[in-house]
Amino acid sequence: MAIDGSGTALSTCVLAPNPSPMTLEGTNTWVIAAPGSSFAMVVDPGPEDEGHLRRVVDRAAGTGRRVAQILLTHGHSDHSAGARRLAALTGAPVRAADPAYRLGSEGLTDGDVVLAAGCELRVITTPGHSADSLSLLLPEDGALLTGDTVLGRGTTVIGADGSLADYLRSLDAMKVLAENASVRVLLPGHGPLVPDPSSMLDFYIEHRAERLAEVRAALAAGDTTAQQIVARVYHDVDPGVRPFAELSVQAQLDYLATGSEREPSLPGRPRADDRAGAPARRTTGRACGGARRPRSAPTGPRCAASRGRQSPPAPC
């Protein structure tokens, strides 16, 4: 499936030119607008690449629209670094969960509803990949923009600023949305759109259970550090992604060390409460002054390997 130009009735992907083993084909920047609207929203501007950002502006302008809102699913630089420049090009504010990445006075919190470009985006916090990760539900399309929480192929790494316990809860909440038909397609931050969200989420949950079992086995065999476990469990991983494998293993060790871990909710087992069903708080999405300089952010680690494809062994 071609990624650039893909999407739904109200969303279009503009693929950033930053491919790598950890960003797949590149970062997916999403342009969202309803037919007849004079405005557009942009989700995840991507890297600070002038050509890409001007292409995003041109994509909106080509349909007679002006970018009025810039939203971030999280602060990792492959999603957020271009936000300040895109704001300068368009005059649009930048909204994010973490105040450090905002340009303007409004942020994004769980239950917010952003109304702009003739569309409604509902904010669902989905921490785990990073502490500030969120997803955005586009109800009209039955679409969920997932950032790095769920990718179009492969699985994601739990970053140094993330938490496996949070991540498992986020997957459970997303699975509930898929099961009750609120979500019919996933629009990820990397890779192609996902037309079968429930199956993909089952795969993600099962993958986490398998990795935890492997780490437990390595601990039982006498390994004590992330480096030792990676050498045993990920012995055939590409050296270039080995540091990300160690990040993922450390997240699992931290999770197991709490003593309160649970098994990921495999199909047929009870799942977490539907956090996404909380009453929504409506916001106008209006632009306000008071720009804030974002702090430097780590590049969001990802796993490019996936089922049924020839790719390096998964470091996650």
Foldseek 3Di string as FASTA:
>chain_A
DDAQQDDFQFKGWHFDPDDDQFQHNAFTWIWGAHPPFQEIEIEFQFAQDVVSLVVVQCVQVVNNHAYAEYEYQDDFRRRQNNVVVSCVVGVHWYEFQDPLRTFFDHHDDQQEWEDDNNFIWHWHQQFALANRGIWIQGQVGLEIEGEQLAEQFAHFFNAPRGANVSSLQSLLLVLVSLVVSSHQWYRYRHHHIGRRVNVRSLVHLVVVLVVLVLLVVQVVVPDDALVSSCCVVVVQFDPVCQVSLSRRSVNSVVQVVVVPHDRRQHPPRDTDDNSNPDHHDYDHSHGHHDTHNHDHHHRRGTRNDGPPDPDGPTSD
